[in-house]
Amino acid sequence: MVAAFVLLISSCQSAILPNSQPLVEKIYLFNGLDLTNWEKTDYAGKGEVRVDDNGSLILEMGAELSGVHWKGAPLPVQNYEIHLQAKRTMGSDFFCGLTFPYQESHATLILGGWGGSLIGISSIDDFDASENETGDAYIFEDNQWYDIRLRATDSEISVWINDEQVIDCEVEGRKVAMRYGEIEMSVPLGICTYATTGVIREVFLKKI
């Protein structure tokens, strides 16, 4: 009887321990069915925006920018991560311009700009992705999915591509802002392409 009681206590403790770890909530932003909580952004010369039969968001090549922006509930402005998968199927400019909130402002992560290889954040201290320390070259293959993770904390903006950290920028006390122009229509959260067809899926946010 004593042995059975000890076994019962041990089993209860084993069941409780995993729940002692904090749970990280995933907030799925794109349902893979339609544009619920999103709106097509009215860029001049935009391409078609649709959801395909595979549950992916298709941002067709336009004359310049094509994309969507968030119209749902307010989202965190710091201490969060945004995850998504993206690929380029046509074109030679950025296939994912991810506009995200940062405190009282916004900025845009560029993937595949300036001929297809530029990555970086626009803008830091009024310098675009091609001009500030976040700018770098990354070789993207057409029709290949890339796992993207962006983290925004009180003092830092970090980015990973396929689990490789490619941006780690200290921004405390610096100006983080949008590039001037139509891209400003992407706030508070937006995804766009430039004269390129991009495909997006698995978009979710985690508070950290």
C-alpha atoms as a PDB file:
ATOM      1  CA  MET A   1       0.000   0.000   0.000  1.00  0.00           C
ATOM      2  CA  VAL A   2       2.864   2.356   0.903  1.00  0.00           C
ATOM      3  CA  ALA A   3       4.648   1.529  -2.355  1.00  0.00           C
ATOM      4  CA  ALA A   4       1.501   2.243  -4.327  1.00  0.00           C
ATOM      5  CA  PHE A   5       1.084   5.617  -2.557  1.00  0.00           C
ATOM      6  CA  VAL A   6       4.695   6.593  -3.313  1.00  0.00           C
ATOM      7  CA  LEU A   7       4.196   5.617  -6.953  1.00  0.00           C
ATOM      8  CA  LEU A   8       1.052   7.752  -7.132  1.00  0.00           C
ATOM      9  CA  ILE A   9       2.859  10.798  -5.682  1.00  0.00           C
ATOM     10  CA  SER A  10       5.760  10.295  -8.103  1.00  0.00           C
ATOM     11  CA  SER A  11       3.370  10.096 -11.069  1.00  0.00           C
ATOM     12  CA  CYS A  12       1.605  13.311 -10.015  1.00  0.00           C
ATOM     13  CA  GLN A  13       4.914  15.147  -9.713  1.00  0.00           C
ATOM     14  CA  SER A  14       5.931  13.998 -13.198  1.00  0.00           C
ATOM     15  CA  ALA A  15       2.671  15.317 -14.597  1.00  0.00           C
ATOM     16  CA  ILE A  16       3.062  18.705 -12.898  1.00  0.00           C
ATOM     17  CA  LEU A  17       6.668  19.455 -13.871  1.00  0.00           C
ATOM     18  CA  PRO A  18       6.115  20.197 -17.594  1.00  0.00           C
ATOM     19  CA  ASN A  19       3.411  22.721 -16.699  1.00  0.00           C
ATOM     20  CA  SER A  20       5.881  24.661 -14.578  1.00  0.00           C
ATOM     21  CA  GLN A  21       7.542  25.914 -17.792  1.00  0.00           C
ATOM     22  CA  PRO A  22       6.095  29.128 -19.271  1.00  0.00           C
ATOM     23  CA  LEU A  23       3.973  28.521 -22.353  1.00  0.00           C
ATOM     24  CA  VAL A  24       4.800  30.525 -25.494  1.00  0.00           C
ATOM     25  CA  GLU A  25       1.595  31.414 -27.302  1.00  0.00           C
ATOM     26  CA  LYS A  26       1.567  31.324 -31.094  1.00  0.00           C
ATOM     27  CA  ILE A  27      -0.806  33.781 -32.711  1.00  0.00           C
ATOM     28  CA  TYR A  28      -1.490  32.677 -36.285  1.00  0.00           C
ATOM     29  CA  LEU A  29      -1.944  35.743 -38.465  1.00  0.00           C
ATOM     30  CA  PHE A  30      -2.773  34.101 -41.805  1.00  0.00           C
ATOM     31  CA  ASN A  31      -5.373  31.330 -41.939  1.00  0.00           C
ATOM     32  CA  GLY A  32      -4.379  29.882 -45.318  1.00  0.00           C
ATOM     33  CA  LEU A  33      -7.951  30.222 -46.594  1.00  0.00           C
ATOM     34  CA  ASP A  34      -8.602  33.889 -47.295  1.00  0.00           C
ATOM     35  CA  LEU A  35      -7.509  37.414 -46.350  1.00  0.00           C
ATOM     36  CA  THR A  36      -9.346  37.563 -43.019  1.00  0.00           C
ATOM     37  CA  ASN A  37      -7.721  40.353 -40.924  1.00  0.00           C
ATOM     38  CA  TRP A  38      -5.712  41.506 -43.953  1.00  0.00           C
ATOM     39  CA  GLU A  39      -6.370  44.036 -46.696  1.00  0.00           C
ATOM     40  CA  LYS A  40      -4.828  44.360 -50.125  1.00  0.00           C
ATOM     41  CA  THR A  41      -2.618  47.436 -50.076  1.00  0.00           C
ATOM     42  CA  ASP A  42      -3.570  49.961 -52.736  1.00  0.00           C
ATOM     43  CA  TYR A  43      -0.128  50.528 -54.214  1.00  0.00           C
ATOM     44  CA  ALA A  44       0.049  52.146 -57.657  1.00  0.00           C
ATOM     45  CA  GLY A  45       0.820  49.499 -60.281  1.00  0.00           C
ATOM     46  CA  LYS A  46       0.182  46.638 -57.870  1.00  0.00           C
ATOM     47  CA  GLY A  47      -0.043  43.019 -59.004  1.00  0.00           C
ATOM     48  CA  GLU A  48      -2.764  40.497 -58.116  1.00  0.00           C
ATOM     49  CA  VAL A  49      -2.989  39.258 -54.538  1.00  0.00           C
ATOM     50  CA  ARG A  50      -4.710  35.936 -53.823  1.00  0.00           C
ATOM     51  CA  VAL A  51      -4.684  32.778 -51.729  1.00  0.00           C
ATOM     52  CA  ASP A  52      -3.964  29.623 -53.750  1.00  0.00           C
ATOM     53  CA  ASP A  53      -5.276  26.088 -53.347  1.00  0.00           C
ATOM     54  CA  ASN A  54      -2.242  25.159 -51.230  1.00  0.00           C
ATOM     55  CA  GLY A  55      -3.111  27.770 -48.607  1.00  0.00           C
ATOM     56  CA  SER A  56      -0.317  30.161 -49.579  1.00  0.00           C
ATOM     57  CA  LEU A  57      -0.542  33.914 -50.063  1.00  0.00           C
ATOM     58  CA  ILE A  58       0.484  34.835 -53.617  1.00  0.00           C
ATOM     59  CA  LEU A  59       1.788  38.360 -54.218  1.00  0.00           C
ATOM     60  CA  GLU A  60       1.989  38.602 -57.995  1.00  0.00           C
ATOM     61  CA  MET A  61       4.570  40.726 -59.765  1.00  0.00           C
ATOM     62  CA  GLY A  62       3.391  44.287 -60.331  1.00  0.00           C
ATOM     63  CA  ALA A  63       5.022  47.374 -61.792  1.00  0.00           C
ATOM     64  CA  GLU A  64       6.449  48.107 -58.332  1.00  0.00           C
ATOM     65  CA  LEU A  65       4.951  47.189 -54.933  1.00  0.00           C
ATOM     66  CA  SER A  66       2.284  44.528 -54.369  1.00  0.00           C
ATOM     67  CA  GLY A  67       1.117  43.342 -50.976  1.00  0.00           C
ATOM     68  CA  VAL A  68      -1.208  43.254 -47.995  1.00  0.00           C
ATOM     69  CA  HIS A  69      -1.379  44.929 -44.591  1.00  0.00           C
ATOM     70  CA  TRP A  70      -2.883  43.953 -41.245  1.00  0.00           C
ATOM     71  CA  LYS A  71      -6.414  45.086 -40.320  1.00  0.00           C
ATOM     72  CA  GLY A  72      -6.985  42.849 -37.311  1.00  0.00           C
ATOM     73  CA  ALA A  73      -6.587  43.396 -33.573  1.00  0.00           C
ATOM     74  CA  PRO A  74      -3.632  45.470 -32.293  1.00  0.00           C
ATOM     75  CA  LEU A  75      -0.362  43.546 -32.170  1.00  0.00           C
ATOM     76  CA  PRO A  76       2.617  43.787 -29.781  1.00  0.00           C
ATOM     77  CA  VAL A  77       5.089  46.552 -30.568  1.00  0.00           C
ATOM     78  CA  GLN A  78       8.089  45.064 -28.770  1.00  0.00           C
ATOM     79  CA  ASN A  79       9.253  41.779 -27.228  1.00  0.00           C
ATOM     80  CA  TYR A  80       7.809  39.536 -29.924  1.00  0.00           C
ATOM     81  CA  GLU A  81       8.832  37.353 -32.849  1.00  0.00           C
ATOM     82  CA  ILE A  82       7.232  37.052 -36.276  1.00  0.00           C
ATOM     83  CA  HIS A  83       7.721  33.809 -38.176  1.00  0.00           C
ATOM     84  CA  LEU A  84       6.876  33.078 -41.792  1.00  0.00           C
ATOM     85  CA  GLN A  85       7.957  31.054 -44.800  1.00  0.00           C
ATOM     86  CA  ALA A  86       8.591  32.805 -48.112  1.00  0.00           C
ATOM     87  CA  LYS A  87       9.855  32.065 -51.599  1.00  0.00           C
ATOM     88  CA  ARG A  88      10.425  33.937 -54.860  1.00  0.00           C
ATOM     89  CA  THR A  89       8.913  32.455 -58.011  1.00  0.00           C
ATOM     90  CA  MET A  90       9.509  35.267 -60.507  1.00  0.00           C
ATOM     91  CA  GLY A  91      11.464  38.511 -60.671  1.00  0.00           C
ATOM     92  CA  SER A  92      14.768  39.839 -59.412  1.00  0.00           C
ATOM     93  CA  ASP A  93      13.916  42.190 -56.554  1.00  0.00           C
ATOM     94  CA  PHE A  94      12.624  41.658 -53.036  1.00  0.00           C
ATOM     95  CA  PHE A  95      10.095  38.851 -52.629  1.00  0.00           C
ATOM     96  CA  CYS A  96       9.350  39.665 -48.995  1.00  0.00           C
ATOM     97  CA  GLY A  97       9.215  43.135 -47.540  1.00  0.00           C
ATOM     98  CA  LEU A  98       8.006  42.563 -43.982  1.00  0.00           C
ATOM     99  CA  THR A  99       6.866  45.791 -42.325  1.00  0.00           C
ATOM    100  CA  PHE A 100       6.689  45.389 -38.543  1.00  0.00           C
ATOM    101  CA  PRO A 101       5.938  47.556 -35.502  1.00  0.00           C
ATOM    102  CA  TYR A 102       8.738  48.713 -33.245  1.00  0.00           C
ATOM    103  CA  GLN A 103       7.668  50.662 -30.163  1.00  0.00           C
ATOM    104  CA  GLU A 104       6.011  53.825 -31.488  1.00  0.00           C
ATOM    105  CA  SER A 105       7.322  53.380 -35.018  1.00  0.00           C
ATOM    106  CA  HIS A 106       7.713  50.779 -37.780  1.00  0.00           C
ATOM    107  CA  ALA A 107      10.408  49.441 -40.095  1.00  0.00           C
ATOM    108  CA  THR A 108      10.679  46.977 -42.983  1.00  0.00           C
ATOM    109  CA  LEU A 109      12.778  43.840 -43.335  1.00  0.00           C
ATOM    110  CA  ILE A 110      13.870  43.496 -46.971  1.00  0.00           C
ATOM    111  CA  LEU A 111      14.671  40.061 -48.385  1.00  0.00           C
ATOM    112  CA  GLY A 112      16.103  39.872 -51.890  1.00  0.00           C
ATOM    113  CA  GLY A 113      16.314  43.524 -52.897  1.00  0.00           C
ATOM    114  CA  TRP A 114      18.647  45.329 -55.315  1.00  0.00           C
ATOM    115  CA  GLY A 115      18.995  42.582 -57.917  1.00  0.00           C
ATOM    116  CA  GLY A 116      17.784  39.759 -55.701  1.00  0.00           C
ATOM    117  CA  SER A 117      20.333  39.374 -52.906  1.00  0.00           C
ATOM    118  CA  LEU A 118      20.115  42.353 -50.540  1.00  0.00           C
ATOM    119  CA  ILE A 119      18.831  41.780 -47.016  1.00  0.00           C
ATOM    120  CA  GLY A 120      18.491  44.445 -44.336  1.00  0.00           C
ATOM    121  CA  ILE A 121      16.182  46.735 -42.397  1.00  0.00           C
ATOM    122  CA  SER A 122      14.844  50.067 -43.651  1.00  0.00           C
ATOM    123  CA  SER A 123      15.396  52.351 -41.991  1.00  0.00           C
ATOM    124  CA  ILE A 124      17.896  52.811 -39.153  1.00  0.00           C
ATOM    125  CA  ASP A 125      18.873  56.400 -38.376  1.00  0.00           C
ATOM    126  CA  ASP A 126      17.334  57.389 -41.751  1.00  0.00           C
ATOM    127  CA  PHE A 127      19.597  54.985 -43.660  1.00  0.00           C
ATOM    128  CA  ASP A 128      17.981  52.312 -45.851  1.00  0.00           C
ATOM    129  CA  ALA A 129      18.813  48.611 -45.775  1.00  0.00           C
ATOM    130  CA  SER A 130      21.461  49.112 -48.456  1.00  0.00           C
ATOM    131  CA  GLU A 131      23.136  51.868 -46.426  1.00  0.00           C
ATOM    132  CA  ASN A 132      23.114  50.732 -42.779  1.00  0.00           C
ATOM    133  CA  GLU A 133      24.896  47.937 -40.908  1.00  0.00           C
ATOM    134  CA  THR A 134      22.006  45.480 -41.315  1.00  0.00           C
ATOM    135  CA  GLY A 135      22.556  45.368 -45.089  1.00  0.00           C
ATOM    136  CA  ASP A 136      24.186  42.230 -46.449  1.00  0.00           C
ATOM    137  CA  ALA A 137      24.099  39.878 -49.433  1.00  0.00           C
ATOM    138  CA  TYR A 138      22.260  36.554 -49.253  1.00  0.00           C
ATOM    139  CA  ILE A 139      21.829  34.232 -52.219  1.00  0.00           C
ATOM    140  CA  PHE A 140      18.167  33.258 -52.619  1.00  0.00           C
ATOM    141  CA  GLU A 141      17.192  30.498 -55.031  1.00  0.00           C
ATOM    142  CA  ASP A 142      13.927  30.770 -56.947  1.00  0.00           C
ATOM    143  CA  ASN A 143      11.125  28.399 -55.925  1.00  0.00           C
ATOM    144  CA  GLN A 144      12.823  27.516 -52.635  1.00  0.00           C
ATOM    145  CA  TRP A 145      11.110  28.081 -49.285  1.00  0.00           C
ATOM    146  CA  TYR A 146      12.973  30.077 -46.632  1.00  0.00           C
ATOM    147  CA  ASP A 147      12.100  30.089 -42.940  1.00  0.00           C
ATOM    148  CA  ILE A 148      12.166  33.674 -41.687  1.00  0.00           C
ATOM    149  CA  ARG A 149      12.173  34.759 -38.052  1.00  0.00           C
ATOM    150  CA  LEU A 150      12.270  38.394 -36.905  1.00  0.00           C
ATOM    151  CA  ARG A 151      12.650  39.293 -33.226  1.00  0.00           C
ATOM    152  CA  ALA A 152      12.026  42.801 -31.867  1.00  0.00           C
ATOM    153  CA  THR A 153      12.954  43.489 -28.239  1.00  0.00           C
ATOM    154  CA  ASP A 154      13.326  46.701 -26.246  1.00  0.00           C
ATOM    155  CA  SER A 155      16.825  47.251 -27.567  1.00  0.00           C
ATOM    156  CA  GLU A 156      17.492  44.926 -30.482  1.00  0.00           C
ATOM    157  CA  ILE A 157      16.163  43.746 -33.829  1.00  0.00           C
ATOM    158  CA  SER A 158      17.343  40.315 -34.950  1.00  0.00           C
ATOM    159  CA  VAL A 159      16.616  38.173 -37.997  1.00  0.00           C
ATOM    160  CA  TRP A 160      17.201  34.525 -38.848  1.00  0.00           C
ATOM    161  CA  ILE A 161      16.960  32.792 -42.231  1.00  0.00           C
ATOM    162  CA  ASN A 162      16.697  28.997 -41.989  1.00  0.00           C
ATOM    163  CA  ASP A 163      17.906  29.233 -38.350  1.00  0.00           C
ATOM    164  CA  GLU A 164      21.032  31.183 -39.375  1.00  0.00           C
ATOM    165  CA  GLN A 165      21.208  34.578 -37.699  1.00  0.00           C
ATOM    166  CA  VAL A 166      21.790  37.168 -40.398  1.00  0.00           C
ATOM    167  CA  ILE A 167      20.923  40.428 -38.579  1.00  0.00           C
ATOM    168  CA  ASP A 168      21.636  41.443 -34.990  1.00  0.00           C
ATOM    169  CA  CYS A 169      21.203  45.191 -34.630  1.00  0.00           C
ATOM    170  CA  GLU A 170      21.294  47.235 -31.429  1.00  0.00           C
ATOM    171  CA  VAL A 171      18.661  49.940 -31.824  1.00  0.00           C
ATOM    172  CA  GLU A 172      18.259  51.365 -28.327  1.00  0.00           C
ATOM    173  CA  GLY A 173      18.433  55.153 -28.526  1.00  0.00           C
ATOM    174  CA  ARG A 174      18.433  55.096 -32.337  1.00  0.00           C
ATOM    175  CA  LYS A 175      15.818  56.137 -34.875  1.00  0.00           C
ATOM    176  CA  VAL A 176      13.885  53.176 -36.271  1.00  0.00           C
ATOM    177  CA  ALA A 177      11.468  54.313 -38.978  1.00  0.00           C
ATOM    178  CA  MET A 178       9.860  53.575 -42.329  1.00  0.00           C
ATOM    179  CA  ARG A 179      11.422  54.471 -45.622  1.00  0.00           C
ATOM    180  CA  TYR A 180       9.566  57.392 -47.185  1.00  0.00           C
ATOM    181  CA  GLY A 181       7.076  56.498 -49.919  1.00  0.00           C
ATOM    182  CA  GLU A 182       4.327  54.023 -50.716  1.00  0.00           C
ATOM    183  CA  ILE A 183       5.849  51.420 -48.419  1.00  0.00           C
ATOM    184  CA  GLU A 184       4.436  53.483 -45.531  1.00  0.00           C
ATOM    185  CA  MET A 185       1.009  52.125 -46.502  1.00  0.00           C
ATOM    186  CA  SER A 186       2.147  48.741 -45.124  1.00  0.00           C
ATOM    187  CA  VAL A 187       1.809  49.724 -41.453  1.00  0.00           C
ATOM    188  CA  PRO A 188       1.180  48.440 -38.841  1.00  0.00           C
ATOM    189  CA  LEU A 189       2.159  45.030 -40.228  1.00  0.00           C
ATOM    190  CA  GLY A 190       2.536  44.305 -43.902  1.00  0.00           C
ATOM    191  CA  ILE A 191       4.037  41.967 -46.466  1.00  0.00           C
ATOM    192  CA  CYS A 192       4.926  43.148 -49.947  1.00  0.00           C
ATOM    193  CA  THR A 193       7.085  42.485 -52.993  1.00  0.00           C
ATOM    194  CA  TYR A 194       8.726  44.756 -55.550  1.00  0.00           C
ATOM    195  CA  ALA A 195       8.316  43.862 -59.268  1.00  0.00           C
ATOM    196  CA  THR A 196       8.579  40.258 -58.133  1.00  0.00           C
ATOM    197  CA  THR A 197       6.219  37.385 -57.375  1.00  0.00           C
ATOM    198  CA  GLY A 198       6.494  36.167 -53.790  1.00  0.00           C
ATOM    199  CA  VAL A 199       4.691  33.342 -52.005  1.00  0.00           C
ATOM    200  CA  ILE A 200       4.058  33.447 -48.252  1.00  0.00           C
ATOM    201  CA  ARG A 201       2.750  30.888 -45.747  1.00  0.00           C
ATOM    202  CA  GLU A 202       2.826  29.906 -42.054  1.00  0.00           C
ATOM    203  CA  VAL A 203       2.694  33.462 -40.694  1.00  0.00           C
ATOM    204  CA  PHE A 204       2.528  33.619 -36.917  1.00  0.00           C
ATOM    205  CA  LEU A 205       3.604  35.789 -33.996  1.00  0.00           C
ATOM    206  CA  LYS A 206       5.017  34.812 -30.584  1.00  0.00           C
ATOM    207  CA  LYS A 207       5.321  37.041 -27.551  1.00  0.00           C
ATOM    208  CA  ILE A 208       8.672  36.718 -25.798  1.00  0.00           C
END
